[in-house]
PDB file of N, CA and C in Angstrom:
ATOM      1  N   GLU A   1       0.827  -1.196   0.000  1.00  0.00           N
ATOM      2  CA  GLU A   1       0.000   0.000   0.000  1.00  0.00           C
ATOM      3  C   GLU A   1       0.868   1.255   0.000  1.00  0.00           C
ATOM      4  N   THR A   2       1.855   1.295   0.866  1.00  0.00           N
ATOM      5  CA  THR A   2       2.733   2.464   0.936  1.00  0.00           C
ATOM      6  C   THR A   2       3.501   2.643  -0.363  1.00  0.00           C
ATOM      7  N   VAL A   3       3.995   1.547  -0.933  1.00  0.00           N
ATOM      8  CA  VAL A   3       4.748   1.630  -2.181  1.00  0.00           C
ATOM      9  C   VAL A   3       3.865   2.189  -3.282  1.00  0.00           C
ATOM     10  N   ALA A   4       2.622   1.743  -3.368  1.00  0.00           N
ATOM     11  CA  ALA A   4       1.704   2.255  -4.386  1.00  0.00           C
ATOM     12  C   ALA A   4       1.491   3.755  -4.215  1.00  0.00           C
ATOM     13  N   GLU A   5       1.366   4.210  -2.978  1.00  0.00           N
ATOM     14  CA  GLU A   5       1.176   5.638  -2.712  1.00  0.00           C
ATOM     15  C   GLU A   5       2.412   6.441  -3.098  1.00  0.00           C
ATOM     16  N   VAL A   6       3.579   5.896  -2.811  1.00  0.00           N
ATOM     17  CA  VAL A   6       4.829   6.578  -3.159  1.00  0.00           C
ATOM     18  C   VAL A   6       4.966   6.676  -4.675  1.00  0.00           C
ATOM     19  N   LEU A   7       4.659   5.605  -5.374  1.00  0.00           N
ATOM     20  CA  LEU A   7       4.705   5.626  -6.837  1.00  0.00           C
ATOM     21  C   LEU A   7       3.711   6.638  -7.390  1.00  0.00           C
ATOM     22  N   ALA A   8       2.511   6.659  -6.847  1.00  0.00           N
ATOM     23  CA  ALA A   8       1.483   7.598  -7.305  1.00  0.00           C
ATOM     24  C   ALA A   8       1.910   9.046  -7.078  1.00  0.00           C
ATOM     25  N   ALA A   9       2.686   9.280  -6.040  1.00  0.00           N
ATOM     26  CA  ALA A   9       3.161  10.635  -5.746  1.00  0.00           C
ATOM     27  C   ALA A   9       4.296  11.060  -6.679  1.00  0.00           C
ATOM     28  N   GLY A  10       4.832  10.111  -7.440  1.00  0.00           N
ATOM     29  CA  GLY A  10       5.883  10.425  -8.394  1.00  0.00           C
ATOM     30  C   GLY A  10       7.295  10.371  -7.840  1.00  0.00           C
ATOM     31  N   ALA A  11       7.477   9.743  -6.706  1.00  0.00           N
ATOM     32  CA  ALA A  11       8.809   9.646  -6.104  1.00  0.00           C
ATOM     33  C   ALA A  11       9.729   8.771  -6.956  1.00  0.00           C
ATOM     34  N   ALA A  12      11.009   9.090  -6.914  1.00  0.00           N
ATOM     35  CA  ALA A  12      12.005   8.306  -7.635  1.00  0.00           C
ATOM     36  C   ALA A  12      12.573   7.186  -6.776  1.00  0.00           C
ATOM     37  N   GLY A  13      12.448   7.327  -5.450  1.00  0.00           N
ATOM     38  CA  GLY A  13      12.997   6.313  -4.567  1.00  0.00           C
ATOM     39  C   GLY A  13      12.545   6.497  -3.138  1.00  0.00           C
ATOM     40  N   VAL A  14      12.811   5.475  -2.338  1.00  0.00           N
ATOM     41  CA  VAL A  14      12.489   5.517  -0.912  1.00  0.00           C
ATOM     42  C   VAL A  14      13.651   4.931  -0.128  1.00  0.00           C
ATOM     43  N   ASN A  15      13.772   5.393   1.100  1.00  0.00           N
ATOM     44  CA  ASN A  15      14.772   4.886   2.027  1.00  0.00           C
ATOM     45  C   ASN A  15      14.027   4.097   3.097  1.00  0.00           C
ATOM     46  N   ILE A  16      14.379   2.832   3.271  1.00  0.00           N
ATOM     47  CA  ILE A  16      13.703   1.985   4.251  1.00  0.00           C
ATOM     48  C   ILE A  16      14.741   1.550   5.281  1.00  0.00           C
ATOM     49  N   GLU A  17      14.484   1.873   6.560  1.00  0.00           N
ATOM     50  CA  GLU A  17      15.441   1.596   7.626  1.00  0.00           C
ATOM     51  C   GLU A  17      15.211   0.225   8.237  1.00  0.00           C
ATOM     52  N   ASP A  18      16.298  -0.502   8.500  1.00  0.00           N
ATOM     53  CA  ASP A  18      16.135  -1.793   9.171  1.00  0.00           C
ATOM     54  C   ASP A  18      16.027  -1.637  10.681  1.00  0.00           C
ATOM     55  N   GLY A  19      16.554  -0.558  11.236  1.00  0.00           N
ATOM     56  CA  GLY A  19      16.435  -0.322  12.672  1.00  0.00           C
ATOM     57  C   GLY A  19      16.950  -1.508  13.469  1.00  0.00           C
ATOM     58  N   ALA A  20      16.206  -1.873  14.481  1.00  0.00           N
ATOM     59  CA  ALA A  20      16.597  -3.000  15.331  1.00  0.00           C
ATOM     60  C   ALA A  20      15.888  -4.287  14.922  1.00  0.00           C
ATOM     61  N   ARG A  21      15.220  -4.278  13.772  1.00  0.00           N
ATOM     62  CA  ARG A  21      14.530  -5.485  13.298  1.00  0.00           C
ATOM     63  C   ARG A  21      15.535  -6.595  13.018  1.00  0.00           C
ATOM     64  N   GLU A  22      15.040  -7.808  13.112  1.00  0.00           N
ATOM     65  CA  GLU A  22      15.851  -8.954  12.706  1.00  0.00           C
ATOM     66  C   GLU A  22      16.079  -8.853  11.195  1.00  0.00           C
ATOM     67  N   PRO A  23      17.287  -9.176  10.717  1.00  0.00           N
ATOM     68  CA  PRO A  23      17.568  -9.074   9.289  1.00  0.00           C
ATOM     69  C   PRO A  23      16.603  -9.869   8.413  1.00  0.00           C
ATOM     70  N   GLY A  24      16.180 -11.036   8.877  1.00  0.00           N
ATOM     71  CA  GLY A  24      15.241 -11.836   8.091  1.00  0.00           C
ATOM     72  C   GLY A  24      13.909 -11.139   7.916  1.00  0.00           C
ATOM     73  N   GLU A  25      13.419 -10.519   8.969  1.00  0.00           N
ATOM     74  CA  GLU A  25      12.156  -9.781   8.898  1.00  0.00           C
ATOM     75  C   GLU A  25      12.286  -8.596   7.940  1.00  0.00           C
ATOM     76  N   PHE A  26      13.405  -7.880   8.036  1.00  0.00           N
ATOM     77  CA  PHE A  26      13.589  -6.733   7.157  1.00  0.00           C
ATOM     78  C   PHE A  26      13.731  -7.177   5.702  1.00  0.00           C
ATOM     79  N   ALA A  27      14.423  -8.277   5.464  1.00  0.00           N
ATOM     80  CA  ALA A  27      14.563  -8.792   4.101  1.00  0.00           C
ATOM     81  C   ALA A  27      13.199  -9.146   3.521  1.00  0.00           C
ATOM     82  N   GLU A  28      12.317  -9.693   4.340  1.00  0.00           N
ATOM     83  CA  GLU A  28      10.960  -9.990   3.878  1.00  0.00           C
ATOM     84  C   GLU A  28      10.226  -8.708   3.505  1.00  0.00           C
ATOM     85  N   ARG A  29      10.395  -7.658   4.297  1.00  0.00           N
ATOM     86  CA  ARG A  29       9.766  -6.370   3.990  1.00  0.00           C
ATOM     87  C   ARG A  29      10.319  -5.795   2.686  1.00  0.00           C
ATOM     88  N   MET A  30      11.628  -5.926   2.505  1.00  0.00           N
ATOM     89  CA  MET A  30      12.248  -5.426   1.278  1.00  0.00           C
ATOM     90  C   MET A  30      11.732  -6.201   0.072  1.00  0.00           C
ATOM     91  N   ALA A  31      11.631  -7.511   0.192  1.00  0.00           N
ATOM     92  CA  ALA A  31      11.111  -8.327  -0.906  1.00  0.00           C
ATOM     93  C   ALA A  31       9.662  -7.960  -1.208  1.00  0.00           C
ATOM     94  N   ALA A  32       8.880  -7.684  -0.180  1.00  0.00           N
ATOM     95  CA  ALA A  32       7.487  -7.276  -0.386  1.00  0.00           C
ATOM     96  C   ALA A  32       7.427  -5.930  -1.102  1.00  0.00           C
ATOM     97  N   ALA A  33       8.294  -5.011  -0.723  1.00  0.00           N
ATOM     98  CA  ALA A  33       8.331  -3.705  -1.390  1.00  0.00           C
ATOM     99  C   ALA A  33       8.727  -3.864  -2.852  1.00  0.00           C
ATOM    100  N   ARG A  34       9.743  -4.703  -3.121  1.00  0.00           N
ATOM    101  CA  ARG A  34      10.171  -4.941  -4.504  1.00  0.00           C
ATOM    102  C   ARG A  34       9.027  -5.552  -5.308  1.00  0.00           C
ATOM    103  N   GLY A  35       8.320  -6.513  -4.714  1.00  0.00           N
ATOM    104  CA  GLY A  35       7.185  -7.126  -5.397  1.00  0.00           C
ATOM    105  C   GLY A  35       6.096  -6.119  -5.697  1.00  0.00           C
ATOM    106  N   ALA A  36       5.830  -5.214  -4.771  1.00  0.00           N
ATOM    107  CA  ALA A  36       4.803  -4.186  -4.980  1.00  0.00           C
ATOM    108  C   ALA A  36       5.192  -3.251  -6.120  1.00  0.00           C
ATOM    109  N   VAL A  37       6.464  -2.892  -6.194  1.00  0.00           N
ATOM    110  CA  VAL A  37       6.934  -2.035  -7.287  1.00  0.00           C
ATOM    111  C   VAL A  37       6.742  -2.749  -8.620  1.00  0.00           C
ATOM    112  N   GLU A  38       7.123  -4.013  -8.667  1.00  0.00           N
ATOM    113  CA  GLU A  38       6.998  -4.777  -9.912  1.00  0.00           C
ATOM    114  C   GLU A  38       5.543  -4.963 -10.316  1.00  0.00           C
ATOM    115  N   ARG A  39       4.681  -5.260  -9.345  1.00  0.00           N
ATOM    116  CA  ARG A  39       3.255  -5.426  -9.658  1.00  0.00           C
ATOM    117  C   ARG A  39       2.637  -4.129 -10.171  1.00  0.00           C
ATOM    118  N   ALA A  40       3.111  -3.013  -9.661  1.00  0.00           N
ATOM    119  CA  ALA A  40       2.584  -1.716 -10.083  1.00  0.00           C
ATOM    120  C   ALA A  40       3.180  -1.266 -11.415  1.00  0.00           C
ATOM    121  N   GLY A  41       4.192  -1.985 -11.873  1.00  0.00           N
ATOM    122  CA  GLY A  41       4.845  -1.611 -13.123  1.00  0.00           C
ATOM    123  C   GLY A  41       5.629  -0.318 -12.996  1.00  0.00           C
ATOM    124  N   GLY A  42       6.025   0.002 -11.782  1.00  0.00           N
ATOM    125  CA  GLY A  42       6.723   1.258 -11.531  1.00  0.00           C
ATOM    126  C   GLY A  42       8.225   1.119 -11.561  1.00  0.00           C
ATOM    127  N   ASP A  43       8.866   2.252 -11.400  1.00  0.00           N
ATOM    128  CA  ASP A  43      10.321   2.316 -11.334  1.00  0.00           C
ATOM    129  C   ASP A  43      10.659   3.105 -10.077  1.00  0.00           C
ATOM    130  N   LEU A  44      10.990   2.410  -9.008  1.00  0.00           N
ATOM    131  CA  LEU A  44      11.247   3.039  -7.722  1.00  0.00           C
ATOM    132  C   LEU A  44      12.542   2.480  -7.149  1.00  0.00           C
ATOM    133  N   PHE A  45      13.480   3.357  -6.829  1.00  0.00           N
ATOM    134  CA  PHE A  45      14.756   2.951  -6.243  1.00  0.00           C
ATOM    135  C   PHE A  45      14.524   2.637  -4.775  1.00  0.00           C
ATOM    136  N   LEU A  46      14.812   1.405  -4.373  1.00  0.00           N
ATOM    137  CA  LEU A  46      14.647   0.984  -2.984  1.00  0.00           C
ATOM    138  C   LEU A  46      16.008   1.004  -2.302  1.00  0.00           C
ATOM    139  N   ASN A  47      16.163   1.922  -1.380  1.00  0.00           N
ATOM    140  CA  ASN A  47      17.417   2.083  -0.654  1.00  0.00           C
ATOM    141  C   ASN A  47      17.244   1.528   0.754  1.00  0.00           C
ATOM    142  N   ALA A  48      18.066   0.569   1.123  1.00  0.00           N
ATOM    143  CA  ALA A  48      17.992  -0.031   2.460  1.00  0.00           C
ATOM    144  C   ALA A  48      19.002   0.648   3.377  1.00  0.00           C
ATOM    145  N   ARG A  49      18.500   1.186   4.484  1.00  0.00           N
ATOM    146  CA  ARG A  49      19.397   1.786   5.473  1.00  0.00           C
ATOM    147  C   ARG A  49      19.717   0.732   6.519  1.00  0.00           C
ATOM    148  N   VAL A  50      21.005   0.442   6.675  1.00  0.00           N
ATOM    149  CA  VAL A  50      21.469  -0.555   7.637  1.00  0.00           C
ATOM    150  C   VAL A  50      21.959   0.205   8.870  1.00  0.00           C
ATOM    151  N   ASP A  51      21.286   0.006   9.997  1.00  0.00           N
ATOM    152  CA  ASP A  51      21.517   0.817  11.191  1.00  0.00           C
ATOM    153  C   ASP A  51      22.508   0.236  12.197  1.00  0.00           C
ATOM    154  N   THR A  52      23.318  -0.713  11.792  1.00  0.00           N
ATOM    155  CA  THR A  52      24.238  -1.351  12.734  1.00  0.00           C
ATOM    156  C   THR A  52      25.209  -0.358  13.373  1.00  0.00           C
ATOM    157  N   TYR A  53      25.737   0.561  12.597  1.00  0.00           N
ATOM    158  CA  TYR A  53      26.678   1.550  13.146  1.00  0.00           C
ATOM    159  C   TYR A  53      25.935   2.679  13.845  1.00  0.00           C
ATOM    160  N   LEU A  54      24.876   3.148  13.258  1.00  0.00           N
ATOM    161  CA  LEU A  54      24.115   4.253  13.843  1.00  0.00           C
ATOM    162  C   LEU A  54      23.590   3.901  15.229  1.00  0.00           C
ATOM    163  N   ARG A  55      23.111   2.667  15.383  1.00  0.00           N
ATOM    164  CA  ARG A  55      22.531   2.229  16.651  1.00  0.00           C
ATOM    165  C   ARG A  55      23.496   1.416  17.514  1.00  0.00           C
ATOM    166  N   GLY A  56      24.708   1.193  17.012  1.00  0.00           N
ATOM    167  CA  GLY A  56      25.682   0.413  17.775  1.00  0.00           C
ATOM    168  C   GLY A  56      25.245  -1.027  17.974  1.00  0.00           C
ATOM    169  N   LEU A  57      24.639  -1.615  16.943  1.00  0.00           N
ATOM    170  CA  LEU A  57      24.151  -2.994  17.045  1.00  0.00           C
ATOM    171  C   LEU A  57      25.310  -3.977  16.913  1.00  0.00           C
ATOM    172  N   GLY A  58      25.281  -5.015  17.711  1.00  0.00           N
ATOM    173  CA  GLY A  58      26.338  -6.016  17.683  1.00  0.00           C
ATOM    174  C   GLY A  58      27.603  -5.489  18.334  1.00  0.00           C
ATOM    175  N   GLY A  59      28.573  -6.352  18.452  1.00  0.00           N
ATOM    176  CA  GLY A  59      29.840  -5.963  19.062  1.00  0.00           C
ATOM    177  C   GLY A  59      30.728  -5.231  18.076  1.00  0.00           C
ATOM    178  N   PRO A  60      31.604  -4.377  18.556  1.00  0.00           N
ATOM    179  CA  PRO A  60      32.498  -3.634  17.668  1.00  0.00           C
ATOM    180  C   PRO A  60      33.339  -4.528  16.754  1.00  0.00           C
ATOM    181  N   ARG A  61      33.732  -5.690  17.240  1.00  0.00           N
ATOM    182  CA  ARG A  61      34.571  -6.591  16.431  1.00  0.00           C
ATOM    183  C   ARG A  61      33.794  -7.307  15.338  1.00  0.00           C
ATOM    184  N   THR A  62      32.506  -7.451  15.507  1.00  0.00           N
ATOM    185  CA  THR A  62      31.695  -8.179  14.524  1.00  0.00           C
ATOM    186  C   THR A  62      30.775  -7.265  13.720  1.00  0.00           C
ATOM    187  N   ARG A  63      30.780  -5.986  14.019  1.00  0.00           N
ATOM    188  CA  ARG A  63      29.829  -5.052  13.395  1.00  0.00           C
ATOM    189  C   ARG A  63      30.005  -4.968  11.880  1.00  0.00           C
ATOM    190  N   LEU A  64      31.234  -4.921  11.398  1.00  0.00           N
ATOM    191  CA  LEU A  64      31.454  -4.838   9.952  1.00  0.00           C
ATOM    192  C   LEU A  64      30.903  -6.078   9.259  1.00  0.00           C
ATOM    193  N   ALA A  65      31.233  -7.254   9.767  1.00  0.00           N
ATOM    194  CA  ALA A  65      30.735  -8.494   9.160  1.00  0.00           C
ATOM    195  C   ALA A  65      29.214  -8.543   9.197  1.00  0.00           C
ATOM    196  N   GLU A  66      28.621  -8.136  10.307  1.00  0.00           N
ATOM    197  CA  GLU A  66      27.161  -8.110  10.433  1.00  0.00           C
ATOM    198  C   GLU A  66      26.555  -7.138   9.429  1.00  0.00           C
ATOM    199  N   THR A  67      27.174  -5.995   9.261  1.00  0.00           N
ATOM    200  CA  THR A  67      26.676  -4.991   8.321  1.00  0.00           C
ATOM    201  C   THR A  67      26.731  -5.514   6.899  1.00  0.00           C
ATOM    202  N   LEU A  68      27.841  -6.125   6.527  1.00  0.00           N
ATOM    203  CA  LEU A  68      27.980  -6.676   5.178  1.00  0.00           C
ATOM    204  C   LEU A  68      26.979  -7.800   4.940  1.00  0.00           C
ATOM    205  N   GLU A  69      26.785  -8.643   5.932  1.00  0.00           N
ATOM    206  CA  GLU A  69      25.821  -9.739   5.800  1.00  0.00           C
ATOM    207  C   GLU A  69      24.411  -9.188   5.585  1.00  0.00           C
ATOM    208  N   ARG A  70      24.037  -8.198   6.392  1.00  0.00           N
ATOM    209  CA  ARG A  70      22.713  -7.582   6.237  1.00  0.00           C
ATOM    210  C   ARG A  70      22.580  -6.938   4.860  1.00  0.00           C
ATOM    211  N   ALA A  71      23.572  -6.171   4.459  1.00  0.00           N
ATOM    212  CA  ALA A  71      23.508  -5.471   3.178  1.00  0.00           C
ATOM    213  C   ALA A  71      23.337  -6.452   2.023  1.00  0.00           C
ATOM    214  N   GLN A  72      24.122  -7.505   2.018  1.00  0.00           N
ATOM    215  CA  GLN A  72      24.028  -8.486   0.937  1.00  0.00           C
ATOM    216  C   GLN A  72      22.675  -9.189   0.946  1.00  0.00           C
ATOM    217  N   ARG A  73      22.160  -9.455   2.122  1.00  0.00           N
ATOM    218  CA  ARG A  73      20.842 -10.088   2.237  1.00  0.00           C
ATOM    219  C   ARG A  73      19.757  -9.164   1.688  1.00  0.00           C
ATOM    220  N   TYR A  74      19.860  -7.880   1.981  1.00  0.00           N
ATOM    221  CA  TYR A  74      18.857  -6.922   1.519  1.00  0.00           C
ATOM    222  C   TYR A  74      18.928  -6.732   0.001  1.00  0.00           C
ATOM    223  N   VAL A  75      20.130  -6.775  -0.551  1.00  0.00           N
ATOM    224  CA  VAL A  75      20.274  -6.693  -2.007  1.00  0.00           C
ATOM    225  C   VAL A  75      19.617  -7.912  -2.652  1.00  0.00           C
ATOM    226  N   ARG A  76      19.853  -9.092  -2.100  1.00  0.00           N
ATOM    227  CA  ARG A  76      19.208 -10.305  -2.640  1.00  0.00           C
ATOM    228  C   ARG A  76      17.684 -10.206  -2.548  1.00  0.00           C
ATOM    229  N   ALA A  77      17.193  -9.475  -1.554  1.00  0.00           N
ATOM    230  CA  ALA A  77      15.743  -9.325  -1.370  1.00  0.00           C
ATOM    231  C   ALA A  77      15.147  -8.250  -2.274  1.00  0.00           C
ATOM    232  N   GLY A  78      16.000  -7.453  -2.928  1.00  0.00           N
ATOM    233  CA  GLY A  78      15.473  -6.463  -3.860  1.00  0.00           C
ATOM    234  C   GLY A  78      15.927  -5.034  -3.675  1.00  0.00           C
ATOM    235  N   ALA A  79      16.796  -4.763  -2.720  1.00  0.00           N
ATOM    236  CA  ALA A  79      17.290  -3.393  -2.532  1.00  0.00           C
ATOM    237  C   ALA A  79      18.172  -2.980  -3.708  1.00  0.00           C
ATOM    238  N   ASP A  80      17.999  -1.740  -4.141  1.00  0.00           N
ATOM    239  CA  ASP A  80      18.822  -1.183  -5.220  1.00  0.00           C
ATOM    240  C   ASP A  80      20.062  -0.477  -4.685  1.00  0.00           C
ATOM    241  N   GLY A  81      20.016  -0.086  -3.424  1.00  0.00           N
ATOM    242  CA  GLY A  81      21.123   0.641  -2.819  1.00  0.00           C
ATOM    243  C   GLY A  81      21.177   0.366  -1.329  1.00  0.00           C
ATOM    244  N   ILE A  82      22.323   0.649  -0.733  1.00  0.00           N
ATOM    245  CA  ILE A  82      22.525   0.447   0.705  1.00  0.00           C
ATOM    246  C   ILE A  82      23.105   1.732   1.287  1.00  0.00           C
ATOM    247  N   PHE A  83      22.565   2.138   2.431  1.00  0.00           N
ATOM    248  CA  PHE A  83      23.043   3.321   3.150  1.00  0.00           C
ATOM    249  C   PHE A  83      23.383   2.888   4.566  1.00  0.00           C
ATOM    250  N   VAL A  84      24.628   3.147   4.989  1.00  0.00           N
ATOM    251  CA  VAL A  84      25.080   2.758   6.325  1.00  0.00           C
ATOM    252  C   VAL A  84      25.495   4.029   7.077  1.00  0.00           C
ATOM    253  N   PRO A  85      24.550   4.689   7.752  1.00  0.00           N
ATOM    254  CA  PRO A  85      24.906   5.901   8.490  1.00  0.00           C
ATOM    255  C   PRO A  85      25.699   5.578   9.752  1.00  0.00           C
ATOM    256  N   GLY A  86      26.494   6.535  10.180  1.00  0.00           N
ATOM    257  CA  GLY A  86      27.226   6.375  11.430  1.00  0.00           C
ATOM    258  C   GLY A  86      28.649   5.886  11.287  1.00  0.00           C
ATOM    259  N   VAL A  87      29.064   5.553  10.069  1.00  0.00           N
ATOM    260  CA  VAL A  87      30.442   5.094   9.855  1.00  0.00           C
ATOM    261  C   VAL A  87      31.316   6.331   9.653  1.00  0.00           C
ATOM    262  N   THR A  88      32.414   6.406  10.387  1.00  0.00           N
ATOM    263  CA  THR A  88      33.254   7.601  10.312  1.00  0.00           C
ATOM    264  C   THR A  88      34.689   7.349   9.869  1.00  0.00           C
ATOM    265  N   ASP A  89      35.127   6.101   9.850  1.00  0.00           N
ATOM    266  CA  ASP A  89      36.531   5.871   9.490  1.00  0.00           C
ATOM    267  C   ASP A  89      36.656   5.332   8.067  1.00  0.00           C
ATOM    268  N   ALA A  90      37.699   5.808   7.387  1.00  0.00           N
ATOM    269  CA  ALA A  90      37.915   5.486   5.977  1.00  0.00           C
ATOM    270  C   ALA A  90      38.096   3.991   5.730  1.00  0.00           C
ATOM    271  N   GLU A  91      38.731   3.285   6.638  1.00  0.00           N
ATOM    272  CA  GLU A  91      38.971   1.851   6.457  1.00  0.00           C
ATOM    273  C   GLU A  91      37.654   1.072   6.413  1.00  0.00           C
ATOM    274  N   THR A  92      36.739   1.401   7.303  1.00  0.00           N
ATOM    275  CA  THR A  92      35.437   0.725   7.314  1.00  0.00           C
ATOM    276  C   THR A  92      34.633   1.099   6.081  1.00  0.00           C
ATOM    277  N   ILE A  93      34.671   2.362   5.700  1.00  0.00           N
ATOM    278  CA  ILE A  93      33.958   2.795   4.492  1.00  0.00           C
ATOM    279  C   ILE A  93      34.481   2.029   3.282  1.00  0.00           C
ATOM    280  N   ALA A  94      35.789   1.896   3.164  1.00  0.00           N
ATOM    281  CA  ALA A  94      36.381   1.156   2.045  1.00  0.00           C
ATOM    282  C   ALA A  94      35.935  -0.300   2.052  1.00  0.00           C
ATOM    283  N   ALA A  95      35.875  -0.917   3.224  1.00  0.00           N
ATOM    284  CA  ALA A  95      35.435  -2.314   3.321  1.00  0.00           C
ATOM    285  C   ALA A  95      33.970  -2.448   2.918  1.00  0.00           C
ATOM    286  N   LEU A  96      33.150  -1.487   3.292  1.00  0.00           N
ATOM    287  CA  LEU A  96      31.735  -1.520   2.908  1.00  0.00           C
ATOM    288  C   LEU A  96      31.586  -1.371   1.400  1.00  0.00           C
ATOM    289  N   VAL A  97      32.314  -0.441   0.815  1.00  0.00           N
ATOM    290  CA  VAL A  97      32.256  -0.238  -0.635  1.00  0.00           C
ATOM    291  C   VAL A  97      32.686  -1.511  -1.365  1.00  0.00           C
ATOM    292  N   ALA A  98      33.744  -2.140  -0.879  1.00  0.00           N
ATOM    293  CA  ALA A  98      34.251  -3.356  -1.521  1.00  0.00           C
ATOM    294  C   ALA A  98      33.302  -4.537  -1.354  1.00  0.00           C
ATOM    295  N   GLY A  99      32.550  -4.577  -0.260  1.00  0.00           N
ATOM    296  CA  GLY A  99      31.732  -5.743   0.039  1.00  0.00           C
ATOM    297  C   GLY A  99      30.265  -5.646  -0.317  1.00  0.00           C
ATOM    298  N   ILE A 100      29.840  -4.490  -0.816  1.00  0.00           N
ATOM    299  CA  ILE A 100      28.423  -4.308  -1.159  1.00  0.00           C
ATOM    300  C   ILE A 100      28.332  -4.053  -2.659  1.00  0.00           C
ATOM    301  N   PRO A 101      27.565  -4.883  -3.389  1.00  0.00           N
ATOM    302  CA  PRO A 101      27.562  -4.809  -4.847  1.00  0.00           C
ATOM    303  C   PRO A 101      26.683  -3.720  -5.462  1.00  0.00           C
ATOM    304  N   VAL A 102      26.110  -2.856  -4.644  1.00  0.00           N
ATOM    305  CA  VAL A 102      25.258  -1.777  -5.156  1.00  0.00           C
ATOM    306  C   VAL A 102      25.715  -0.459  -4.532  1.00  0.00           C
ATOM    307  N   PRO A 103      25.260   0.663  -5.099  1.00  0.00           N
ATOM    308  CA  PRO A 103      25.663   1.949  -4.498  1.00  0.00           C
ATOM    309  C   PRO A 103      25.148   2.125  -3.083  1.00  0.00           C
TER     310      PRO A 103
END
């Protein structure tokens, strides 16, 4: 329903946050959004926001791996792009760029 309304409004894309949701639940939501776009025959960029760094989810030593796992899962579910707010160091940014196959 929301995707149909966004398409009707003429939006080019939406940002959907995973927050503290389980990655599997969020991937299902992303797949549902992708399906709604396809059923509507629209062209909508689905950007998944991965909140692991912003919210400090997981341990510092495993956060990068968790972020990459979530991002790749969301891309498989239909995300066109990934946004990871809260990352401040160049090394982590480079690892995210290298490990995520979409912008």
